[in-house]
Amino acid sequence: MVSDGKSLDEADEQTGGHDVSHYIHEIEFGKHFPLATNPLKDTFIKMEDPSGVGLQQMSVKLVPTVYKRFMKKKLNTYQISYSSYTILPSILVMSNPPKLPGLNIHYDFNPIAVTHTESRENFFVFVSSLIGIVGGVFVTVGLVSSAVVTSAQTVLKKQD
């Protein structure tokens, strides 16, 4: 095997051994939609063992998602959730059959789909709500001003 033009033994001598830490820049399933977050984007997993060797097991759950935007085509995509754990070198050696160090990603599709739907109210619902709010403001102002005028008149009558 060769790493950067050198045999692995030569690379081990220069670097002090293999380090299977890894960085996931981005991994996506389907197209991105505005409500989604990608938990695997810019993920750095460093092997905690001083040797830098270990097996990182990742379990990725993919949830089918339909995203329906107002007045646009629906988008079929997936949302991602994941969990991970590290198998240390001492356990790797004892496993039967022995496992190799590195990254192991297991994908699982969720049988239940999620649907996000964006919608807007009818224009007439908006107008009637606006009229109700403006009418409520006028009624409240009328009640408050009537209460202030009545209390002021009562105070003036008591002073006379």
C-alpha atoms as a PDB file:
ATOM      1  CA  MET A   1       0.000   0.000   0.000  1.00  0.00           C
ATOM      2  CA  VAL A   2       1.114   3.516  -0.726  1.00  0.00           C
ATOM      3  CA  SER A   3       0.221   6.788   1.002  1.00  0.00           C
ATOM      4  CA  ASP A   4       1.381  10.077  -0.586  1.00  0.00           C
ATOM      5  CA  GLY A   5       3.938   8.222  -2.699  1.00  0.00           C
ATOM      6  CA  LYS A   6       5.395   6.412   0.320  1.00  0.00           C
ATOM      7  CA  SER A   7       4.785   2.989   1.754  1.00  0.00           C
ATOM      8  CA  LEU A   8       2.669   2.857   4.882  1.00  0.00           C
ATOM      9  CA  ASP A   9       5.669   1.868   6.973  1.00  0.00           C
ATOM     10  CA  GLU A  10       7.553   4.982   5.789  1.00  0.00           C
ATOM     11  CA  ALA A  11       4.485   7.148   6.461  1.00  0.00           C
ATOM     12  CA  ASP A  12       4.158   5.641   9.949  1.00  0.00           C
ATOM     13  CA  GLU A  13       7.772   6.517  10.723  1.00  0.00           C
ATOM     14  CA  GLN A  14       7.287  10.146   9.663  1.00  0.00           C
ATOM     15  CA  THR A  15       3.855  10.778  11.235  1.00  0.00           C
ATOM     16  CA  GLY A  16       4.082   8.499  14.236  1.00  0.00           C
ATOM     17  CA  GLY A  17       1.323   6.153  12.985  1.00  0.00           C
ATOM     18  CA  HIS A  18      -2.007   6.213  11.257  1.00  0.00           C
ATOM     19  CA  ASP A  19      -4.737   8.573  12.357  1.00  0.00           C
ATOM     20  CA  VAL A  20      -8.196   7.673  11.089  1.00  0.00           C
ATOM     21  CA  SER A  21      -9.842  10.845  12.379  1.00  0.00           C
ATOM     22  CA  HIS A  22     -12.092  12.232   9.686  1.00  0.00           C
ATOM     23  CA  TYR A  23     -13.925  15.352   8.584  1.00  0.00           C
ATOM     24  CA  ILE A  24     -17.240  15.240   6.712  1.00  0.00           C
ATOM     25  CA  HIS A  25     -17.569  18.388   4.635  1.00  0.00           C
ATOM     26  CA  GLU A  26     -21.076  17.695   3.440  1.00  0.00           C
ATOM     27  CA  ILE A  27     -23.282  14.728   2.697  1.00  0.00           C
ATOM     28  CA  GLU A  28     -26.859  15.173   1.506  1.00  0.00           C
ATOM     29  CA  PHE A  29     -29.681  12.928   0.419  1.00  0.00           C
ATOM     30  CA  GLY A  30     -32.060  14.680  -1.936  1.00  0.00           C
ATOM     31  CA  LYS A  31     -32.355  18.415  -2.441  1.00  0.00           C
ATOM     32  CA  HIS A  32     -32.043  20.900   0.400  1.00  0.00           C
ATOM     33  CA  PHE A  33     -35.193  22.643   1.629  1.00  0.00           C
ATOM     34  CA  PRO A  34     -35.432  25.733   3.871  1.00  0.00           C
ATOM     35  CA  LEU A  35     -36.585  24.018   7.084  1.00  0.00           C
ATOM     36  CA  ALA A  36     -33.905  21.308   7.010  1.00  0.00           C
ATOM     37  CA  THR A  37     -30.644  21.233   8.902  1.00  0.00           C
ATOM     38  CA  ASN A  38     -27.847  18.858   8.024  1.00  0.00           C
ATOM     39  CA  PRO A  39     -26.255  17.469  11.220  1.00  0.00           C
ATOM     40  CA  LEU A  40     -23.430  15.833   9.252  1.00  0.00           C
ATOM     41  CA  LYS A  41     -22.259  19.040   7.570  1.00  0.00           C
ATOM     42  CA  ASP A  42     -18.804  20.127   8.795  1.00  0.00           C
ATOM     43  CA  THR A  43     -18.546  17.225  11.250  1.00  0.00           C
ATOM     44  CA  PHE A  44     -15.087  16.460  12.614  1.00  0.00           C
ATOM     45  CA  ILE A  45     -14.561  13.233  14.506  1.00  0.00           C
ATOM     46  CA  LYS A  46     -11.174  12.778  16.133  1.00  0.00           C
ATOM     47  CA  MET A  47     -10.065   9.418  17.379  1.00  0.00           C
ATOM     48  CA  GLU A  48      -9.520   9.821  21.119  1.00  0.00           C
ATOM     49  CA  ASP A  49      -7.093   6.924  21.436  1.00  0.00           C
ATOM     50  CA  PRO A  50      -3.463   8.177  21.464  1.00  0.00           C
ATOM     51  CA  SER A  51      -2.648   5.821  18.596  1.00  0.00           C
ATOM     52  CA  GLY A  52      -5.222   7.600  16.391  1.00  0.00           C
ATOM     53  CA  VAL A  53      -6.692   4.245  15.460  1.00  0.00           C
ATOM     54  CA  GLY A  54     -10.277   3.141  15.953  1.00  0.00           C
ATOM     55  CA  LEU A  55     -13.499   2.354  14.162  1.00  0.00           C
ATOM     56  CA  GLN A  56     -16.147   5.047  13.987  1.00  0.00           C
ATOM     57  CA  GLN A  57     -19.622   3.547  13.552  1.00  0.00           C
ATOM     58  CA  MET A  58     -22.309   5.937  12.264  1.00  0.00           C
ATOM     59  CA  SER A  59     -25.979   5.079  12.031  1.00  0.00           C
ATOM     60  CA  VAL A  60     -27.780   7.489   9.694  1.00  0.00           C
ATOM     61  CA  LYS A  61     -31.581   7.588   9.662  1.00  0.00           C
ATOM     62  CA  LEU A  62     -33.194   9.007   6.530  1.00  0.00           C
ATOM     63  CA  VAL A  63     -36.752  10.307   6.873  1.00  0.00           C
ATOM     64  CA  PRO A  64     -38.628  10.742   3.570  1.00  0.00           C
ATOM     65  CA  THR A  65     -39.934  14.305   3.451  1.00  0.00           C
ATOM     66  CA  VAL A  66     -42.349  16.082   1.116  1.00  0.00           C
ATOM     67  CA  TYR A  67     -42.033  19.868   1.196  1.00  0.00           C
ATOM     68  CA  LYS A  68     -44.964  21.759  -0.339  1.00  0.00           C
ATOM     69  CA  ARG A  69     -44.485  25.482  -0.816  1.00  0.00           C
ATOM     70  CA  PHE A  70     -47.301  27.895  -1.554  1.00  0.00           C
ATOM     71  CA  MET A  71     -47.816  28.238  -5.335  1.00  0.00           C
ATOM     72  CA  LYS A  72     -44.726  26.080  -6.164  1.00  0.00           C
ATOM     73  CA  LYS A  73     -43.929  22.462  -7.011  1.00  0.00           C
ATOM     74  CA  LYS A  74     -43.604  19.983  -4.187  1.00  0.00           C
ATOM     75  CA  LEU A  75     -40.122  18.765  -3.345  1.00  0.00           C
ATOM     76  CA  ASN A  76     -39.383  15.151  -2.393  1.00  0.00           C
ATOM     77  CA  THR A  77     -36.275  14.911  -0.238  1.00  0.00           C
ATOM     78  CA  TYR A  78     -34.911  13.389   3.000  1.00  0.00           C
ATOM     79  CA  GLN A  79     -34.170  14.679   6.473  1.00  0.00           C
ATOM     80  CA  ILE A  80     -31.162  13.246   8.297  1.00  0.00           C
ATOM     81  CA  SER A  81     -30.570  12.186  11.884  1.00  0.00           C
ATOM     82  CA  TYR A  82     -27.576  10.196  13.063  1.00  0.00           C
ATOM     83  CA  SER A  83     -25.846   8.650  16.024  1.00  0.00           C
ATOM     84  CA  SER A  84     -22.253   7.517  16.282  1.00  0.00           C
ATOM     85  CA  TYR A  85     -19.869   5.689  18.551  1.00  0.00           C
ATOM     86  CA  THR A  86     -16.205   4.737  18.493  1.00  0.00           C
ATOM     87  CA  ILE A  87     -14.759   1.253  18.883  1.00  0.00           C
ATOM     88  CA  LEU A  88     -11.319   1.455  20.480  1.00  0.00           C
ATOM     89  CA  PRO A  89      -8.312  -0.515  19.121  1.00  0.00           C
ATOM     90  CA  SER A  90      -8.276  -2.954  22.050  1.00  0.00           C
ATOM     91  CA  ILE A  91     -11.848  -4.012  21.241  1.00  0.00           C
ATOM     92  CA  LEU A  92     -11.154  -4.079  17.482  1.00  0.00           C
ATOM     93  CA  VAL A  93      -8.410  -6.658  18.024  1.00  0.00           C
ATOM     94  CA  MET A  94     -10.596  -8.873  20.216  1.00  0.00           C
ATOM     95  CA  SER A  95     -13.603  -8.861  17.873  1.00  0.00           C
ATOM     96  CA  ASN A  96     -14.206 -12.001  15.846  1.00  0.00           C
ATOM     97  CA  PRO A  97     -13.671 -11.548  12.928  1.00  0.00           C
ATOM     98  CA  PRO A  98     -11.294  -8.628  13.536  1.00  0.00           C
ATOM     99  CA  LYS A  99     -12.551  -5.285  12.235  1.00  0.00           C
ATOM    100  CA  LEU A 100     -10.451  -2.751  10.388  1.00  0.00           C
ATOM    101  CA  PRO A 101     -10.068   0.806  11.654  1.00  0.00           C
ATOM    102  CA  GLY A 102     -11.843   3.571   9.763  1.00  0.00           C
ATOM    103  CA  LEU A 103     -15.349   4.904   9.234  1.00  0.00           C
ATOM    104  CA  ASN A 104     -18.413   2.702   8.855  1.00  0.00           C
ATOM    105  CA  ILE A 105     -21.671   4.423   7.826  1.00  0.00           C
ATOM    106  CA  HIS A 106     -24.935   2.491   8.039  1.00  0.00           C
ATOM    107  CA  TYR A 107     -27.996   3.982   6.308  1.00  0.00           C
ATOM    108  CA  ASP A 108     -31.558   3.208   7.325  1.00  0.00           C
ATOM    109  CA  PHE A 109     -34.713   4.540   5.660  1.00  0.00           C
ATOM    110  CA  ASN A 110     -37.563   5.439   7.987  1.00  0.00           C
ATOM    111  CA  PRO A 111     -40.902   3.957   6.819  1.00  0.00           C
ATOM    112  CA  ILE A 112     -42.867   7.020   7.976  1.00  0.00           C
ATOM    113  CA  ALA A 113     -42.815  10.128   5.791  1.00  0.00           C
ATOM    114  CA  VAL A 114     -43.064  13.736   6.961  1.00  0.00           C
ATOM    115  CA  THR A 115     -44.968  16.405   5.010  1.00  0.00           C
ATOM    116  CA  HIS A 116     -44.261  20.123   5.478  1.00  0.00           C
ATOM    117  CA  THR A 117     -46.913  22.349   3.899  1.00  0.00           C
ATOM    118  CA  GLU A 118     -46.670  26.121   3.587  1.00  0.00           C
ATOM    119  CA  SER A 119     -49.989  27.863   3.134  1.00  0.00           C
ATOM    120  CA  ARG A 120     -51.436  31.340   3.230  1.00  0.00           C
ATOM    121  CA  GLU A 121     -54.852  32.550   4.226  1.00  0.00           C
ATOM    122  CA  ASN A 122     -57.291  33.843   1.663  1.00  0.00           C
ATOM    123  CA  PHE A 123     -57.068  37.596   0.918  1.00  0.00           C
ATOM    124  CA  PHE A 124     -60.597  38.127   2.246  1.00  0.00           C
ATOM    125  CA  VAL A 125     -59.654  36.475   5.555  1.00  0.00           C
ATOM    126  CA  PHE A 126     -56.744  38.929   5.812  1.00  0.00           C
ATOM    127  CA  VAL A 127     -58.997  41.940   5.061  1.00  0.00           C
ATOM    128  CA  SER A 128     -61.678  40.861   7.563  1.00  0.00           C
ATOM    129  CA  SER A 129     -59.007  40.319  10.244  1.00  0.00           C
ATOM    130  CA  LEU A 130     -57.550  43.757   9.519  1.00  0.00           C
ATOM    131  CA  ILE A 131     -60.991  45.383   9.746  1.00  0.00           C
ATOM    132  CA  GLY A 132     -61.643  43.546  13.030  1.00  0.00           C
ATOM    133  CA  ILE A 133     -58.340  44.785  14.492  1.00  0.00           C
ATOM    134  CA  VAL A 134     -58.949  48.392  13.410  1.00  0.00           C
ATOM    135  CA  GLY A 135     -62.531  48.246  14.750  1.00  0.00           C
ATOM    136  CA  GLY A 136     -61.275  46.830  18.059  1.00  0.00           C
ATOM    137  CA  VAL A 137     -58.750  49.655  18.377  1.00  0.00           C
ATOM    138  CA  PHE A 138     -61.488  52.271  17.803  1.00  0.00           C
ATOM    139  CA  VAL A 139     -63.799  50.623  20.376  1.00  0.00           C
ATOM    140  CA  THR A 140     -60.990  50.442  22.955  1.00  0.00           C
ATOM    141  CA  VAL A 141     -59.983  54.075  22.396  1.00  0.00           C
ATOM    142  CA  GLY A 142     -63.650  55.109  22.670  1.00  0.00           C
ATOM    143  CA  LEU A 143     -64.107  53.234  25.961  1.00  0.00           C
ATOM    144  CA  VAL A 144     -60.898  54.623  27.461  1.00  0.00           C
ATOM    145  CA  SER A 145     -61.658  58.212  26.412  1.00  0.00           C
ATOM    146  CA  SER A 146     -65.249  57.898  27.710  1.00  0.00           C
ATOM    147  CA  ALA A 147     -63.959  56.592  31.052  1.00  0.00           C
ATOM    148  CA  VAL A 148     -61.419  59.430  31.305  1.00  0.00           C
ATOM    149  CA  VAL A 149     -64.026  62.127  30.447  1.00  0.00           C
ATOM    150  CA  THR A 150     -66.594  60.672  32.882  1.00  0.00           C
ATOM    151  CA  SER A 151     -64.061  60.435  35.729  1.00  0.00           C
ATOM    152  CA  ALA A 152     -62.827  63.994  35.044  1.00  0.00           C
ATOM    153  CA  GLN A 153     -66.423  65.314  35.135  1.00  0.00           C
ATOM    154  CA  THR A 154     -67.072  63.441  38.410  1.00  0.00           C
ATOM    155  CA  VAL A 155     -63.939  64.913  39.999  1.00  0.00           C
ATOM    156  CA  LEU A 156     -64.904  68.447  38.869  1.00  0.00           C
ATOM    157  CA  LYS A 157     -68.470  68.082  40.292  1.00  0.00           C
ATOM    158  CA  LYS A 158     -67.044  66.973  43.669  1.00  0.00           C
ATOM    159  CA  GLN A 159     -64.739  69.996  43.783  1.00  0.00           C
ATOM    160  CA  ASP A 160     -67.675  72.417  43.312  1.00  0.00           C
END
